[in-house]
Amino acid sequence: MTGAGTDHTKAKLEGGPAIVLVRPQLAVNVGMCARAMANFGLSDLRLVAPRADWRAGPYREDACAAAAGAADLLEGAKTFDSVETAIADLSFVYAATARGRGQAKPVLTPEKALAATAARMAGGERHGVLFGPERTGLANDEVALADAILTFPVNPACASLNLAQAVLLAGYEWFRAAHGEAIPFEVTERSPPAAREMTLAFFDFLEGELDKRQFFRPATKKPVMARNLRNMFHRMSLTEQDVRTLWGVVVRLVEGPRREPGKRRRKQDAAAPPE
């Protein structure tokens, strides 16, 4: 299963720091970690002593289902017996933890840590992030293997993150640092901004209909009320299509439903806005 935003025709971003899951317990979490990595262009997944062989049976099925389009990343994951062997080829390692461990190590947020990692990996270094098992987190001896601690600014009364959530946040900061913050798409304006002639004609039409229904009461307040209406619409930065739609709405409220037995509906109302 893949998500609505998955597009296999586009180039796949790969690389980034190794994501090392130490003794992961739940297949679903492993799959969701893979999906989070794929979201942000991370491709080096390493598992240390997972609870079960995730490449076979129900464990694999659950992991692949949760990966939702990142099953290939799961298939390429490397499995290790110990943290030491999993990080042997890395030059710098972060240990992700929500608790102070009393170890004399730098403590960084993902924003600062992954920005430094992006810069140093661009120079040829190999980095990784350790994430501990879901229930207990990393052991102190495992934290001691890292160069620095990675922690998240969270509610101190509820500081423990879901494993996949922690990977997602780290991946997001990596992507920002390595690839920038350009959004993948923007809204395409399908209608040009309305010319002032068009909006003024609409205002005249609207105010005329409101006048007929005694909206501007008392009469002494009409100038202020009319200005307020015009300013309200100006703040919307109306497009030509916006004005046509609003004009049509007012026409139908004034005239009621179209009722023309035996005739085809007209495509445009006689009171339509000027082209």
C-alpha atoms as a PDB file:
ATOM      1  CA  MET A   1       0.000   0.000   0.000  1.00  0.00           C
ATOM      2  CA  THR A   2       1.294   3.473  -0.845  1.00  0.00           C
ATOM      3  CA  GLY A   3       0.160   6.906   0.206  1.00  0.00           C
ATOM      4  CA  ALA A   4      -1.589   9.523  -1.926  1.00  0.00           C
ATOM      5  CA  GLY A   5       1.602  11.568  -2.088  1.00  0.00           C
ATOM      6  CA  THR A   6       3.752   8.744  -3.476  1.00  0.00           C
ATOM      7  CA  ASP A   7       5.073   9.370  -6.990  1.00  0.00           C
ATOM      8  CA  HIS A   8       7.483   6.746  -8.305  1.00  0.00           C
ATOM      9  CA  THR A   9       8.151   8.785 -11.450  1.00  0.00           C
ATOM     10  CA  LYS A  10      10.180  11.313  -9.463  1.00  0.00           C
ATOM     11  CA  ALA A  11      13.815  10.923  -8.504  1.00  0.00           C
ATOM     12  CA  LYS A  12      14.336   9.257  -5.150  1.00  0.00           C
ATOM     13  CA  LEU A  13      16.533  11.058  -2.652  1.00  0.00           C
ATOM     14  CA  GLU A  14      18.909   8.806  -0.760  1.00  0.00           C
ATOM     15  CA  GLY A  15      21.766   9.017   1.704  1.00  0.00           C
ATOM     16  CA  GLY A  16      21.878  10.821   5.030  1.00  0.00           C
ATOM     17  CA  PRO A  17      22.948   9.514   8.420  1.00  0.00           C
ATOM     18  CA  ALA A  18      22.417   5.864   9.292  1.00  0.00           C
ATOM     19  CA  ILE A  19      19.318   5.224  11.379  1.00  0.00           C
ATOM     20  CA  VAL A  20      20.224   2.515  13.885  1.00  0.00           C
ATOM     21  CA  LEU A  21      17.297   0.871  15.687  1.00  0.00           C
ATOM     22  CA  VAL A  22      18.597  -0.958  18.748  1.00  0.00           C
ATOM     23  CA  ARG A  23      16.577  -4.025  19.766  1.00  0.00           C
ATOM     24  CA  PRO A  24      13.312  -2.901  18.136  1.00  0.00           C
ATOM     25  CA  GLN A  25      10.364  -4.861  19.478  1.00  0.00           C
ATOM     26  CA  LEU A  26       7.414  -4.089  17.212  1.00  0.00           C
ATOM     27  CA  ALA A  27       7.325  -4.831  13.496  1.00  0.00           C
ATOM     28  CA  VAL A  28       4.871  -1.971  12.979  1.00  0.00           C
ATOM     29  CA  ASN A  29       7.358   0.491  14.453  1.00  0.00           C
ATOM     30  CA  VAL A  30      10.152  -0.796  12.234  1.00  0.00           C
ATOM     31  CA  GLY A  31       7.908  -0.316   9.198  1.00  0.00           C
ATOM     32  CA  MET A  32       6.860   3.175  10.254  1.00  0.00           C
ATOM     33  CA  CYS A  33      10.501   4.118  10.823  1.00  0.00           C
ATOM     34  CA  ALA A  34      11.255   3.012   7.259  1.00  0.00           C
ATOM     35  CA  ARG A  35       8.397   5.131   5.976  1.00  0.00           C
ATOM     36  CA  ALA A  36       9.605   8.157   7.961  1.00  0.00           C
ATOM     37  CA  MET A  37      13.075   7.677   6.516  1.00  0.00           C
ATOM     38  CA  ALA A  38      11.735   7.464   2.965  1.00  0.00           C
ATOM     39  CA  ASN A  39       9.733  10.663   3.546  1.00  0.00           C
ATOM     40  CA  PHE A  40      12.925  12.589   4.164  1.00  0.00           C
ATOM     41  CA  GLY A  41      15.450  10.938   1.880  1.00  0.00           C
ATOM     42  CA  LEU A  42      17.189   8.680   4.419  1.00  0.00           C
ATOM     43  CA  SER A  43      18.148   5.258   3.111  1.00  0.00           C
ATOM     44  CA  ASP A  44      20.591   3.596   5.541  1.00  0.00           C
ATOM     45  CA  LEU A  45      18.491   1.538   7.987  1.00  0.00           C
ATOM     46  CA  ARG A  46      20.293  -0.685  10.479  1.00  0.00           C
ATOM     47  CA  LEU A  47      18.702  -3.032  13.009  1.00  0.00           C
ATOM     48  CA  VAL A  48      20.531  -4.264  16.080  1.00  0.00           C
ATOM     49  CA  ALA A  49      19.228  -7.540  17.524  1.00  0.00           C
ATOM     50  CA  PRO A  50      15.568  -7.108  16.519  1.00  0.00           C
ATOM     51  CA  ARG A  51      13.097  -9.168  18.512  1.00  0.00           C
ATOM     52  CA  ALA A  52      12.277 -11.411  15.549  1.00  0.00           C
ATOM     53  CA  ASP A  53      13.377 -12.025  11.993  1.00  0.00           C
ATOM     54  CA  TRP A  54      11.461  -9.234  10.292  1.00  0.00           C
ATOM     55  CA  ARG A  55      12.191 -10.681   6.852  1.00  0.00           C
ATOM     56  CA  ALA A  56       9.894 -13.665   7.389  1.00  0.00           C
ATOM     57  CA  GLY A  57       6.357 -14.495   8.474  1.00  0.00           C
ATOM     58  CA  PRO A  58       3.852 -12.165  10.149  1.00  0.00           C
ATOM     59  CA  TYR A  59       6.620  -9.870  11.442  1.00  0.00           C
ATOM     60  CA  ARG A  60       7.649  -9.049   7.877  1.00  0.00           C
ATOM     61  CA  GLU A  61       4.049  -8.612   6.743  1.00  0.00           C
ATOM     62  CA  ASP A  62       3.330  -6.150   9.551  1.00  0.00           C
ATOM     63  CA  ALA A  63       6.540  -4.219   8.901  1.00  0.00           C
ATOM     64  CA  CYS A  64       5.923  -3.951   5.146  1.00  0.00           C
ATOM     65  CA  ALA A  65       2.310  -2.874   5.648  1.00  0.00           C
ATOM     66  CA  ALA A  66       3.369  -0.113   8.044  1.00  0.00           C
ATOM     67  CA  ALA A  67       6.159   0.984   5.682  1.00  0.00           C
ATOM     68  CA  ALA A  68       3.467   1.984   3.140  1.00  0.00           C
ATOM     69  CA  GLY A  69       5.639   2.279   0.054  1.00  0.00           C
ATOM     70  CA  ALA A  70       9.046   2.014   1.725  1.00  0.00           C
ATOM     71  CA  ALA A  71       9.251  -1.800   1.666  1.00  0.00           C
ATOM     72  CA  ASP A  72      12.347  -1.592  -0.524  1.00  0.00           C
ATOM     73  CA  LEU A  73      14.097   0.288   2.262  1.00  0.00           C
ATOM     74  CA  LEU A  74      13.163  -2.503   4.662  1.00  0.00           C
ATOM     75  CA  GLU A  75      14.504  -5.097   2.275  1.00  0.00           C
ATOM     76  CA  GLY A  76      17.819  -3.270   2.128  1.00  0.00           C
ATOM     77  CA  ALA A  77      18.161  -2.895   5.898  1.00  0.00           C
ATOM     78  CA  LYS A  78      21.241  -4.412   7.540  1.00  0.00           C
ATOM     79  CA  THR A  79      21.002  -6.488  10.706  1.00  0.00           C
ATOM     80  CA  PHE A  80      23.718  -6.586  13.403  1.00  0.00           C
ATOM     81  CA  ASP A  81      24.268  -8.483  16.627  1.00  0.00           C
ATOM     82  CA  SER A  82      25.631  -5.515  18.565  1.00  0.00           C
ATOM     83  CA  VAL A  83      25.679  -1.722  18.551  1.00  0.00           C
ATOM     84  CA  GLU A  84      29.457  -1.781  18.227  1.00  0.00           C
ATOM     85  CA  THR A  85      29.353  -3.641  14.909  1.00  0.00           C
ATOM     86  CA  ALA A  86      26.421  -1.541  13.658  1.00  0.00           C
ATOM     87  CA  ILE A  87      28.327   1.721  14.054  1.00  0.00           C
ATOM     88  CA  ALA A  88      31.850   0.471  13.305  1.00  0.00           C
ATOM     89  CA  ASP A  89      32.084   2.334   9.983  1.00  0.00           C
ATOM     90  CA  LEU A  90      30.686   5.633  11.304  1.00  0.00           C
ATOM     91  CA  SER A  91      32.813   8.609  12.272  1.00  0.00           C
ATOM     92  CA  PHE A  92      30.203  10.348  14.432  1.00  0.00           C
ATOM     93  CA  VAL A  93      27.196   8.959  16.307  1.00  0.00           C
ATOM     94  CA  TYR A  94      24.281  10.560  18.152  1.00  0.00           C
ATOM     95  CA  ALA A  95      22.331   8.720  20.849  1.00  0.00           C
ATOM     96  CA  ALA A  96      18.652   9.740  20.908  1.00  0.00           C
ATOM     97  CA  THR A  97      17.302   9.858  24.452  1.00  0.00           C
ATOM     98  CA  ALA A  98      14.724  11.802  26.446  1.00  0.00           C
ATOM     99  CA  ARG A  99      16.580  11.381  29.770  1.00  0.00           C
ATOM    100  CA  GLY A 100      19.701  12.973  31.126  1.00  0.00           C
ATOM    101  CA  ARG A 101      22.254  10.198  31.563  1.00  0.00           C
ATOM    102  CA  GLY A 102      24.898  11.981  33.627  1.00  0.00           C
ATOM    103  CA  GLN A 103      27.406  11.510  30.824  1.00  0.00           C
ATOM    104  CA  ALA A 104      29.762  14.296  29.833  1.00  0.00           C
ATOM    105  CA  LYS A 105      28.540  14.596  26.250  1.00  0.00           C
ATOM    106  CA  PRO A 106      27.221  17.502  24.205  1.00  0.00           C
ATOM    107  CA  VAL A 107      23.401  17.610  24.186  1.00  0.00           C
ATOM    108  CA  LEU A 108      21.825  18.932  20.986  1.00  0.00           C
ATOM    109  CA  THR A 109      18.374  19.367  19.515  1.00  0.00           C
ATOM    110  CA  PRO A 110      17.667  17.767  16.115  1.00  0.00           C
ATOM    111  CA  GLU A 111      17.801  21.174  14.416  1.00  0.00           C
ATOM    112  CA  LYS A 112      21.389  21.825  15.506  1.00  0.00           C
ATOM    113  CA  ALA A 113      22.559  18.230  15.393  1.00  0.00           C
ATOM    114  CA  LEU A 114      21.338  17.418  11.899  1.00  0.00           C
ATOM    115  CA  ALA A 115      22.530  20.750  10.487  1.00  0.00           C
ATOM    116  CA  ALA A 116      26.032  19.898  11.722  1.00  0.00           C
ATOM    117  CA  THR A 117      25.689  16.366  10.354  1.00  0.00           C
ATOM    118  CA  ALA A 118      24.637  17.626   6.908  1.00  0.00           C
ATOM    119  CA  ALA A 119      27.655  19.913   6.738  1.00  0.00           C
ATOM    120  CA  ARG A 120      30.110  17.282   7.921  1.00  0.00           C
ATOM    121  CA  MET A 121      28.697  14.505   5.743  1.00  0.00           C
ATOM    122  CA  ALA A 122      29.072  16.810   2.754  1.00  0.00           C
ATOM    123  CA  GLY A 123      32.768  16.743   3.609  1.00  0.00           C
ATOM    124  CA  GLY A 124      32.890  12.945   3.484  1.00  0.00           C
ATOM    125  CA  GLU A 125      32.132  11.910   7.068  1.00  0.00           C
ATOM    126  CA  ARG A 126      29.690   9.120   7.894  1.00  0.00           C
ATOM    127  CA  HIS A 127      27.205   9.784  10.695  1.00  0.00           C
ATOM    128  CA  GLY A 128      24.465   7.832  12.425  1.00  0.00           C
ATOM    129  CA  VAL A 129      21.742   8.145  15.065  1.00  0.00           C
ATOM    130  CA  LEU A 130      21.001   5.464  17.659  1.00  0.00           C
ATOM    131  CA  PHE A 131      17.392   4.884  18.740  1.00  0.00           C
ATOM    132  CA  GLY A 132      16.637   2.516  21.600  1.00  0.00           C
ATOM    133  CA  PRO A 133      13.872  -0.068  22.071  1.00  0.00           C
ATOM    134  CA  GLU A 134      10.333   1.216  22.492  1.00  0.00           C
ATOM    135  CA  ARG A 135       9.829   0.476  26.191  1.00  0.00           C
ATOM    136  CA  THR A 136      13.212   1.221  27.773  1.00  0.00           C
ATOM    137  CA  GLY A 137      15.228   3.319  25.336  1.00  0.00           C
ATOM    138  CA  LEU A 138      18.983   2.991  25.023  1.00  0.00           C
ATOM    139  CA  ALA A 139      21.018   1.506  27.864  1.00  0.00           C
ATOM    140  CA  ASN A 140      23.642   3.736  29.480  1.00  0.00           C
ATOM    141  CA  ASP A 141      26.445   1.636  27.993  1.00  0.00           C
ATOM    142  CA  GLU A 142      24.933   2.139  24.529  1.00  0.00           C
ATOM    143  CA  VAL A 143      24.702   5.895  25.075  1.00  0.00           C
ATOM    144  CA  ALA A 144      28.363   5.802  26.091  1.00  0.00           C
ATOM    145  CA  LEU A 145      29.247   4.616  22.565  1.00  0.00           C
ATOM    146  CA  ALA A 146      27.924   7.855  21.063  1.00  0.00           C
ATOM    147  CA  ASP A 147      29.731  11.141  20.541  1.00  0.00           C
ATOM    148  CA  ALA A 148      26.773  13.315  21.515  1.00  0.00           C
ATOM    149  CA  ILE A 149      23.201  13.106  22.762  1.00  0.00           C
ATOM    150  CA  LEU A 150      20.237  13.989  20.567  1.00  0.00           C
ATOM    151  CA  THR A 151      17.128  15.067  22.457  1.00  0.00           C
ATOM    152  CA  PHE A 152      13.864  16.764  21.559  1.00  0.00           C
ATOM    153  CA  PRO A 153      12.264  19.874  23.065  1.00  0.00           C
ATOM    154  CA  VAL A 154       9.081  18.286  24.403  1.00  0.00           C
ATOM    155  CA  ASN A 155       6.626  18.473  27.283  1.00  0.00           C
ATOM    156  CA  PRO A 156       8.762  17.405  30.277  1.00  0.00           C
ATOM    157  CA  ALA A 157       5.803  15.595  31.775  1.00  0.00           C
ATOM    158  CA  CYS A 158       5.482  13.426  28.647  1.00  0.00           C
ATOM    159  CA  ALA A 159       8.919  13.332  27.062  1.00  0.00           C
ATOM    160  CA  SER A 160       8.982   9.810  25.650  1.00  0.00           C
ATOM    161  CA  LEU A 161       8.367   9.775  21.908  1.00  0.00           C
ATOM    162  CA  ASN A 162       7.144   6.875  19.839  1.00  0.00           C
ATOM    163  CA  LEU A 163      10.112   5.341  18.018  1.00  0.00           C
ATOM    164  CA  ALA A 164       8.860   6.220  14.544  1.00  0.00           C
ATOM    165  CA  GLN A 165       7.966   9.742  15.652  1.00  0.00           C
ATOM    166  CA  ALA A 166      11.505  10.295  16.881  1.00  0.00           C
ATOM    167  CA  VAL A 167      12.933   9.053  13.571  1.00  0.00           C
ATOM    168  CA  LEU A 168      10.483  11.271  11.692  1.00  0.00           C
ATOM    169  CA  LEU A 169      11.554  14.411  13.562  1.00  0.00           C
ATOM    170  CA  ALA A 170      15.235  13.651  13.057  1.00  0.00           C
ATOM    171  CA  GLY A 171      14.588  12.949   9.370  1.00  0.00           C
ATOM    172  CA  TYR A 172      12.730  16.215   8.943  1.00  0.00           C
ATOM    173  CA  GLU A 173      15.621  18.227  10.376  1.00  0.00           C
ATOM    174  CA  TRP A 174      18.079  16.304   8.204  1.00  0.00           C
ATOM    175  CA  PHE A 175      16.057  17.096   5.096  1.00  0.00           C
ATOM    176  CA  ARG A 176      15.823  20.784   5.962  1.00  0.00           C
ATOM    177  CA  ALA A 177      19.563  21.010   6.492  1.00  0.00           C
ATOM    178  CA  ALA A 178      20.598  18.912   3.483  1.00  0.00           C
ATOM    179  CA  HIS A 179      17.982  19.852   0.889  1.00  0.00           C
ATOM    180  CA  GLY A 180      16.491  23.169   1.995  1.00  0.00           C
ATOM    181  CA  GLU A 181      12.933  24.108   2.843  1.00  0.00           C
ATOM    182  CA  ALA A 182      11.379  24.489  -0.595  1.00  0.00           C
ATOM    183  CA  ILE A 183       7.862  23.073  -0.479  1.00  0.00           C
ATOM    184  CA  PRO A 184       7.045  20.362  -3.058  1.00  0.00           C
ATOM    185  CA  PHE A 185       4.217  22.298  -4.715  1.00  0.00           C
ATOM    186  CA  GLU A 186       2.423  25.625  -4.650  1.00  0.00           C
ATOM    187  CA  VAL A 187      -1.118  26.647  -5.457  1.00  0.00           C
ATOM    188  CA  THR A 188      -1.469  27.540  -9.129  1.00  0.00           C
ATOM    189  CA  GLU A 189      -3.532  30.676  -9.589  1.00  0.00           C
ATOM    190  CA  ARG A 190      -6.085  29.742 -12.255  1.00  0.00           C
ATOM    191  CA  SER A 191      -7.696  33.185 -12.470  1.00  0.00           C
ATOM    192  CA  PRO A 192      -5.940  36.554 -12.667  1.00  0.00           C
ATOM    193  CA  PRO A 193      -6.582  39.250 -10.080  1.00  0.00           C
ATOM    194  CA  ALA A 194      -9.787  41.150 -10.716  1.00  0.00           C
ATOM    195  CA  ALA A 195      -9.358  44.553 -12.339  1.00  0.00           C
ATOM    196  CA  ARG A 196     -10.594  47.467 -10.240  1.00  0.00           C
ATOM    197  CA  GLU A 197     -13.282  48.203 -12.862  1.00  0.00           C
ATOM    198  CA  MET A 198     -14.718  44.738 -12.283  1.00  0.00           C
ATOM    199  CA  THR A 199     -14.715  44.942  -8.487  1.00  0.00           C
ATOM    200  CA  LEU A 200     -16.256  48.428  -8.501  1.00  0.00           C
ATOM    201  CA  ALA A 201     -19.024  47.203 -10.786  1.00  0.00           C
ATOM    202  CA  PHE A 202     -19.680  44.344  -8.363  1.00  0.00           C
ATOM    203  CA  PHE A 203     -19.760  46.730  -5.407  1.00  0.00           C
ATOM    204  CA  ASP A 204     -22.281  48.959  -7.189  1.00  0.00           C
ATOM    205  CA  PHE A 205     -24.446  45.953  -7.992  1.00  0.00           C
ATOM    206  CA  LEU A 206     -24.243  44.542  -4.450  1.00  0.00           C
ATOM    207  CA  GLU A 207     -24.914  47.867  -2.745  1.00  0.00           C
ATOM    208  CA  GLY A 208     -27.837  48.519  -5.075  1.00  0.00           C
ATOM    209  CA  GLU A 209     -29.474  45.223  -4.129  1.00  0.00           C
ATOM    210  CA  LEU A 210     -28.797  45.819  -0.443  1.00  0.00           C
ATOM    211  CA  ASP A 211     -30.330  49.296  -0.747  1.00  0.00           C
ATOM    212  CA  LYS A 212     -33.522  47.790  -2.175  1.00  0.00           C
ATOM    213  CA  ARG A 213     -33.802  45.593   0.900  1.00  0.00           C
ATOM    214  CA  GLN A 214     -33.049  48.427   3.329  1.00  0.00           C
ATOM    215  CA  PHE A 215     -29.787  46.917   4.548  1.00  0.00           C
ATOM    216  CA  PHE A 216     -28.205  50.305   5.146  1.00  0.00           C
ATOM    217  CA  ARG A 217     -30.126  51.410   8.221  1.00  0.00           C
ATOM    218  CA  PRO A 218     -30.096  54.031   9.547  1.00  0.00           C
ATOM    219  CA  ALA A 219     -29.416  55.882   6.313  1.00  0.00           C
ATOM    220  CA  THR A 220     -26.847  58.106   8.009  1.00  0.00           C
ATOM    221  CA  LYS A 221     -24.595  55.078   8.484  1.00  0.00           C
ATOM    222  CA  LYS A 222     -24.690  53.959   4.856  1.00  0.00           C
ATOM    223  CA  PRO A 223     -21.331  55.526   3.850  1.00  0.00           C
ATOM    224  CA  VAL A 224     -19.507  53.801   6.734  1.00  0.00           C
ATOM    225  CA  MET A 225     -21.278  50.477   6.160  1.00  0.00           C
ATOM    226  CA  ALA A 226     -20.515  50.589   2.429  1.00  0.00           C
ATOM    227  CA  ARG A 227     -16.854  51.340   3.081  1.00  0.00           C
ATOM    228  CA  ASN A 228     -16.670  48.445   5.543  1.00  0.00           C
ATOM    229  CA  LEU A 229     -18.151  46.092   2.935  1.00  0.00           C
ATOM    230  CA  ARG A 230     -15.720  47.236   0.254  1.00  0.00           C
ATOM    231  CA  ASN A 231     -12.737  46.957   2.573  1.00  0.00           C
ATOM    232  CA  MET A 232     -13.812  43.450   3.571  1.00  0.00           C
ATOM    233  CA  PHE A 233     -13.776  42.329  -0.069  1.00  0.00           C
ATOM    234  CA  HIS A 234     -10.526  44.170  -0.804  1.00  0.00           C
ATOM    235  CA  ARG A 235      -8.810  42.211   1.967  1.00  0.00           C
ATOM    236  CA  MET A 236      -9.677  39.016   0.080  1.00  0.00           C
ATOM    237  CA  SER A 237      -7.541  40.018  -2.955  1.00  0.00           C
ATOM    238  CA  LEU A 238     -10.344  38.958  -5.282  1.00  0.00           C
ATOM    239  CA  THR A 239      -9.655  37.206  -8.574  1.00  0.00           C
ATOM    240  CA  GLU A 240     -11.852  37.548 -11.654  1.00  0.00           C
ATOM    241  CA  GLN A 241     -13.413  34.172 -10.898  1.00  0.00           C
ATOM    242  CA  ASP A 242     -14.067  35.206  -7.288  1.00  0.00           C
ATOM    243  CA  VAL A 243     -16.015  38.251  -8.473  1.00  0.00           C
ATOM    244  CA  ARG A 244     -18.031  36.226 -10.995  1.00  0.00           C
ATOM    245  CA  THR A 245     -18.880  33.661  -8.328  1.00  0.00           C
ATOM    246  CA  LEU A 246     -19.904  36.277  -5.746  1.00  0.00           C
ATOM    247  CA  TRP A 247     -21.954  38.111  -8.377  1.00  0.00           C
ATOM    248  CA  GLY A 248     -23.747  34.888  -9.275  1.00  0.00           C
ATOM    249  CA  VAL A 249     -24.447  34.130  -5.604  1.00  0.00           C
ATOM    250  CA  VAL A 250     -26.110  37.517  -5.096  1.00  0.00           C
ATOM    251  CA  VAL A 251     -28.147  37.133  -8.304  1.00  0.00           C
ATOM    252  CA  ARG A 252     -29.531  33.799  -7.181  1.00  0.00           C
ATOM    253  CA  LEU A 253     -30.339  35.112  -3.695  1.00  0.00           C
ATOM    254  CA  VAL A 254     -32.205  38.028  -5.243  1.00  0.00           C
ATOM    255  CA  GLU A 255     -33.985  36.219  -8.076  1.00  0.00           C
ATOM    256  CA  GLY A 256     -34.384  32.782  -6.524  1.00  0.00           C
ATOM    257  CA  PRO A 257     -33.973  29.457  -8.376  1.00  0.00           C
ATOM    258  CA  ARG A 258     -34.013  29.406 -12.141  1.00  0.00           C
ATOM    259  CA  ARG A 259     -37.424  28.230 -13.351  1.00  0.00           C
ATOM    260  CA  GLU A 260     -37.758  28.039 -17.122  1.00  0.00           C
ATOM    261  CA  PRO A 261     -40.086  25.145 -18.068  1.00  0.00           C
ATOM    262  CA  GLY A 262     -39.535  23.924 -21.585  1.00  0.00           C
ATOM    263  CA  LYS A 263     -36.361  25.944 -22.059  1.00  0.00           C
ATOM    264  CA  ARG A 264     -32.713  25.077 -21.738  1.00  0.00           C
ATOM    265  CA  ARG A 265     -30.920  26.815 -18.900  1.00  0.00           C
ATOM    266  CA  ARG A 266     -28.969  29.850 -19.945  1.00  0.00           C
ATOM    267  CA  LYS A 267     -25.242  29.520 -19.377  1.00  0.00           C
ATOM    268  CA  GLN A 268     -25.023  33.090 -18.114  1.00  0.00           C
ATOM    269  CA  ASP A 269     -27.480  35.201 -16.205  1.00  0.00           C
ATOM    270  CA  ALA A 270     -28.487  38.601 -17.592  1.00  0.00           C
ATOM    271  CA  ALA A 271     -27.032  40.150 -14.449  1.00  0.00           C
ATOM    272  CA  ALA A 272     -23.655  38.458 -14.904  1.00  0.00           C
ATOM    273  CA  PRO A 273     -20.555  40.535 -14.247  1.00  0.00           C
ATOM    274  CA  PRO A 274     -18.815  42.259 -17.143  1.00  0.00           C
ATOM    275  CA  GLU A 275     -16.208  40.231 -18.995  1.00  0.00           C
END
